[in-house]
N, C-alpha and C. Protein backbone atom coordinates (compact mmCIF):
# COMPACT_ATOMS: atom_id res chain seq x y z
N MET A 1 73.18 32.71 66.56
CA MET A 1 72.63 32.70 65.22
C MET A 1 72.80 31.30 64.63
N LYS A 2 71.78 30.86 63.93
CA LYS A 2 71.82 29.59 63.21
C LYS A 2 71.88 29.93 61.73
N LEU A 3 72.94 29.50 61.06
CA LEU A 3 73.23 29.91 59.69
C LEU A 3 73.22 28.74 58.72
N ALA A 4 72.49 28.90 57.63
CA ALA A 4 72.52 27.96 56.51
C ALA A 4 73.31 28.63 55.39
N ALA A 5 74.42 28.03 54.99
CA ALA A 5 75.28 28.61 53.95
C ALA A 5 75.19 27.75 52.70
N PHE A 6 74.82 28.38 51.60
CA PHE A 6 74.79 27.71 50.30
C PHE A 6 76.17 27.85 49.67
N VAL A 7 76.74 26.74 49.24
CA VAL A 7 78.04 26.75 48.57
C VAL A 7 77.81 26.27 47.15
N SER A 8 78.10 27.15 46.19
CA SER A 8 77.82 26.84 44.79
C SER A 8 79.08 26.71 43.94
N ASP A 9 80.24 26.80 44.55
CA ASP A 9 81.49 26.77 43.79
C ASP A 9 82.42 25.73 44.40
N TYR A 10 83.10 24.99 43.55
CA TYR A 10 84.04 24.00 44.06
C TYR A 10 85.33 24.64 44.54
N ARG A 11 85.66 25.80 44.07
CA ARG A 11 86.90 26.49 44.43
C ARG A 11 86.76 27.38 45.66
N LEU A 12 85.77 27.13 46.48
CA LEU A 12 85.53 27.94 47.67
C LEU A 12 86.73 27.90 48.60
N ASN A 13 87.10 29.07 49.11
CA ASN A 13 88.14 29.16 50.11
C ASN A 13 87.46 29.03 51.48
N VAL A 14 87.81 28.01 52.24
CA VAL A 14 87.14 27.77 53.53
C VAL A 14 87.41 28.86 54.55
N ASP A 15 88.34 29.77 54.27
CA ASP A 15 88.59 30.90 55.18
C ASP A 15 87.33 31.73 55.38
N THR A 16 86.50 31.83 54.36
CA THR A 16 85.26 32.58 54.47
C THR A 16 84.39 31.99 55.57
N LEU A 17 84.29 30.68 55.60
CA LEU A 17 83.49 30.03 56.63
C LEU A 17 84.12 30.16 58.01
N ASP A 18 85.44 30.24 58.07
CA ASP A 18 86.12 30.39 59.36
C ASP A 18 85.78 31.71 60.03
N ARG A 19 85.49 32.74 59.23
CA ARG A 19 85.17 34.05 59.79
C ARG A 19 83.75 34.12 60.34
N LEU A 20 82.92 33.20 59.91
CA LEU A 20 81.56 33.15 60.44
C LEU A 20 81.59 32.41 61.77
N ASN A 21 80.78 32.83 62.69
CA ASN A 21 80.80 32.19 64.00
C ASN A 21 79.38 31.90 64.49
N PRO A 22 78.63 31.09 63.72
CA PRO A 22 77.27 30.79 64.16
C PRO A 22 77.27 29.73 65.26
N GLU A 23 76.23 29.72 66.05
CA GLU A 23 76.09 28.67 67.06
C GLU A 23 75.76 27.33 66.39
N LYS A 24 75.11 27.39 65.23
CA LYS A 24 74.81 26.18 64.46
C LYS A 24 74.98 26.53 62.98
N LEU A 25 75.69 25.66 62.25
CA LEU A 25 75.97 25.91 60.84
C LEU A 25 75.55 24.71 60.01
N CYS A 26 74.89 24.97 58.90
CA CYS A 26 74.66 23.92 57.91
C CYS A 26 75.18 24.44 56.58
N ILE A 27 75.76 23.54 55.83
CA ILE A 27 76.28 23.87 54.51
C ILE A 27 75.49 23.07 53.50
N ILE A 28 74.87 23.80 52.58
CA ILE A 28 74.06 23.19 51.54
C ILE A 28 74.83 23.32 50.23
N LEU A 29 75.22 22.19 49.68
CA LEU A 29 76.03 22.16 48.46
C LEU A 29 75.11 22.13 47.24
N VAL A 30 75.24 23.15 46.39
CA VAL A 30 74.42 23.28 45.19
C VAL A 30 75.32 23.60 44.00
N GLN A 31 74.77 23.52 42.80
CA GLN A 31 75.49 23.79 41.56
C GLN A 31 76.83 23.05 41.57
N ASN A 32 77.94 23.72 41.24
CA ASN A 32 79.24 23.03 41.23
C ASN A 32 79.76 22.75 42.64
N GLY A 33 79.13 23.29 43.65
CA GLY A 33 79.51 22.99 45.02
C GLY A 33 79.29 21.54 45.39
N VAL A 34 78.46 20.82 44.60
CA VAL A 34 78.21 19.41 44.90
C VAL A 34 79.47 18.57 44.80
N TYR A 35 80.47 19.06 44.05
CA TYR A 35 81.72 18.31 43.93
C TYR A 35 82.45 18.17 45.26
N HIS A 36 82.19 19.07 46.21
CA HIS A 36 82.77 18.93 47.55
C HIS A 36 82.31 17.63 48.20
N ALA A 37 81.10 17.21 47.91
CA ALA A 37 80.52 16.01 48.52
C ALA A 37 81.00 14.73 47.84
N THR A 38 81.58 14.85 46.64
CA THR A 38 81.89 13.65 45.86
C THR A 38 83.35 13.49 45.49
N THR A 39 84.05 14.57 45.26
CA THR A 39 85.40 14.51 44.73
C THR A 39 86.42 14.43 45.86
N LYS A 40 87.39 13.57 45.68
CA LYS A 40 88.47 13.46 46.66
C LYS A 40 89.71 14.14 46.10
N GLU A 41 90.31 14.99 46.90
CA GLU A 41 91.52 15.71 46.52
C GLU A 41 92.72 14.93 47.03
N LYS A 42 93.48 14.34 46.12
CA LYS A 42 94.66 13.54 46.49
C LYS A 42 94.30 12.45 47.50
N GLY A 43 93.14 11.83 47.32
CA GLY A 43 92.72 10.74 48.18
C GLY A 43 92.00 11.16 49.45
N SER A 44 91.93 12.46 49.72
CA SER A 44 91.25 12.97 50.91
C SER A 44 89.97 13.69 50.51
N PRO A 45 88.96 13.65 51.37
CA PRO A 45 87.74 14.41 51.06
C PRO A 45 88.04 15.91 51.04
N SER A 46 87.15 16.66 50.47
CA SER A 46 87.27 18.12 50.43
C SER A 46 87.49 18.67 51.84
N SER A 47 88.34 19.65 51.95
CA SER A 47 88.60 20.27 53.26
C SER A 47 87.34 20.92 53.83
N LEU A 48 86.43 21.28 52.97
CA LEU A 48 85.17 21.85 53.43
C LEU A 48 84.42 20.88 54.33
N LEU A 49 84.48 19.59 54.02
CA LEU A 49 83.75 18.59 54.79
C LEU A 49 84.36 18.33 56.17
N GLN A 50 85.47 18.97 56.46
CA GLN A 50 86.10 18.83 57.77
C GLN A 50 85.61 19.89 58.75
N LYS A 51 84.78 20.81 58.27
CA LYS A 51 84.21 21.85 59.14
C LYS A 51 83.22 21.21 60.10
N THR A 52 82.96 21.89 61.20
CA THR A 52 81.92 21.45 62.13
C THR A 52 80.60 22.04 61.63
N ALA A 53 79.83 21.20 60.96
CA ALA A 53 78.57 21.65 60.36
C ALA A 53 77.74 20.43 59.97
N ASP A 54 76.49 20.69 59.67
CA ASP A 54 75.64 19.68 59.06
C ASP A 54 75.74 19.91 57.55
N PHE A 55 75.97 18.86 56.79
CA PHE A 55 76.17 18.99 55.35
C PHE A 55 75.01 18.37 54.59
N TYR A 56 74.60 19.10 53.54
CA TYR A 56 73.53 18.65 52.67
C TYR A 56 73.95 18.89 51.23
N VAL A 57 73.45 18.05 50.32
CA VAL A 57 73.72 18.24 48.90
C VAL A 57 72.40 18.07 48.14
N LEU A 58 72.18 18.93 47.17
CA LEU A 58 70.95 18.93 46.40
C LEU A 58 70.98 17.83 45.34
N ILE A 59 70.02 16.92 45.40
CA ILE A 59 69.98 15.76 44.50
C ILE A 59 69.89 16.18 43.04
N ASP A 60 69.13 17.22 42.73
CA ASP A 60 68.98 17.65 41.34
C ASP A 60 70.32 18.05 40.73
N ASP A 61 71.14 18.77 41.51
CA ASP A 61 72.44 19.20 41.01
C ASP A 61 73.42 18.02 40.89
N LEU A 62 73.28 17.04 41.77
CA LEU A 62 74.09 15.82 41.64
C LEU A 62 73.76 15.10 40.34
N GLN A 63 72.47 14.90 40.12
CA GLN A 63 72.04 14.16 38.94
C GLN A 63 72.38 14.90 37.64
N THR A 64 72.31 16.21 37.65
CA THR A 64 72.67 17.00 36.48
C THR A 64 74.12 16.75 36.08
N ARG A 65 74.96 16.46 37.06
CA ARG A 65 76.38 16.22 36.81
C ARG A 65 76.72 14.73 36.68
N GLY A 66 75.69 13.90 36.54
CA GLY A 66 75.90 12.47 36.35
C GLY A 66 76.29 11.73 37.61
N LEU A 67 75.98 12.31 38.76
CA LEU A 67 76.33 11.71 40.05
C LEU A 67 75.06 11.28 40.78
N GLY A 68 75.22 10.47 41.81
CA GLY A 68 74.07 10.01 42.58
C GLY A 68 74.40 9.81 44.03
N ASN A 69 73.46 9.27 44.77
CA ASN A 69 73.61 9.06 46.21
C ASN A 69 74.85 8.25 46.56
N ALA A 70 75.18 7.26 45.77
CA ALA A 70 76.32 6.39 46.05
C ALA A 70 77.66 7.13 45.95
N ASP A 71 77.68 8.27 45.27
CA ASP A 71 78.91 9.04 45.09
C ASP A 71 79.18 10.02 46.23
N VAL A 72 78.24 10.17 47.13
CA VAL A 72 78.30 11.21 48.16
C VAL A 72 79.00 10.69 49.42
N ALA A 73 79.81 11.56 50.03
CA ALA A 73 80.50 11.23 51.29
C ALA A 73 79.48 10.88 52.37
N ASP A 74 79.90 10.07 53.32
CA ASP A 74 79.01 9.57 54.37
C ASP A 74 78.42 10.66 55.26
N ASN A 75 79.15 11.75 55.45
CA ASN A 75 78.66 12.80 56.36
C ASN A 75 77.81 13.86 55.66
N VAL A 76 77.40 13.59 54.42
CA VAL A 76 76.58 14.53 53.65
C VAL A 76 75.24 13.88 53.35
N LYS A 77 74.16 14.59 53.67
CA LYS A 77 72.81 14.07 53.43
C LYS A 77 72.30 14.62 52.09
N VAL A 78 71.77 13.75 51.27
CA VAL A 78 71.19 14.13 49.98
C VAL A 78 69.76 14.61 50.22
N ILE A 79 69.43 15.81 49.69
CA ILE A 79 68.11 16.39 49.92
C ILE A 79 67.53 16.96 48.63
N SER A 80 66.24 17.27 48.69
CA SER A 80 65.52 17.86 47.56
C SER A 80 65.28 19.35 47.82
N TYR A 81 64.69 20.02 46.83
CA TYR A 81 64.37 21.44 47.00
C TYR A 81 63.42 21.66 48.17
N SER A 82 62.43 20.81 48.32
CA SER A 82 61.48 20.98 49.43
C SER A 82 62.17 20.81 50.79
N ASP A 83 63.17 19.94 50.84
CA ASP A 83 63.94 19.79 52.08
C ASP A 83 64.71 21.07 52.40
N ILE A 84 65.24 21.72 51.36
CA ILE A 84 65.96 22.99 51.57
C ILE A 84 65.01 24.04 52.13
N VAL A 85 63.82 24.12 51.58
CA VAL A 85 62.82 25.08 52.08
C VAL A 85 62.53 24.81 53.56
N ASP A 86 62.34 23.55 53.91
CA ASP A 86 62.09 23.20 55.31
C ASP A 86 63.25 23.62 56.20
N LEU A 87 64.46 23.38 55.75
CA LEU A 87 65.64 23.76 56.55
C LEU A 87 65.69 25.26 56.80
N ILE A 88 65.59 26.05 55.73
CA ILE A 88 65.80 27.49 55.91
C ILE A 88 64.62 28.18 56.59
N PHE A 89 63.44 27.58 56.56
CA PHE A 89 62.31 28.20 57.24
C PHE A 89 62.10 27.67 58.65
N ASN A 90 62.57 26.45 58.94
CA ASN A 90 62.29 25.85 60.25
C ASN A 90 63.50 25.69 61.15
N GLU A 91 64.70 25.63 60.59
CA GLU A 91 65.88 25.32 61.39
C GLU A 91 66.88 26.47 61.55
N TYR A 92 66.94 27.36 60.58
CA TYR A 92 68.02 28.37 60.55
C TYR A 92 67.47 29.78 60.48
N ASP A 93 68.12 30.69 61.21
CA ASP A 93 67.69 32.10 61.26
C ASP A 93 68.15 32.89 60.05
N LYS A 94 69.33 32.59 59.57
CA LYS A 94 69.96 33.37 58.49
C LYS A 94 70.42 32.43 57.39
N THR A 95 70.55 32.99 56.18
CA THR A 95 71.12 32.24 55.07
C THR A 95 72.19 33.10 54.41
N ALA A 96 73.16 32.43 53.80
CA ALA A 96 74.22 33.12 53.08
C ALA A 96 74.53 32.31 51.83
N TRP A 97 74.99 33.00 50.80
CA TRP A 97 75.39 32.33 49.57
C TRP A 97 76.87 32.57 49.36
N LEU A 98 77.65 31.49 49.34
CA LEU A 98 79.10 31.63 49.20
C LEU A 98 79.56 31.00 47.91
């Protein structure tokens, strides 16, 4: 299974993702989940970004919070709504909202 997981909360417990076992995982950071891509916890990136996955962050939600491309971690790709549609219809079999 190829899974695209939307993360909308900064307080996400990564244990939820550990229970999933897809052959391919992408994490799309939206709403307050975008802080995973930008905020450093005690000098370290979010533990979520240490997962084995492809990471994406929605540009609209970044800009709404006064953030931009320069604020995003190197392993996270900034995308638009149309990019999300392409991902979930062309690359992944299932989607989940966490």
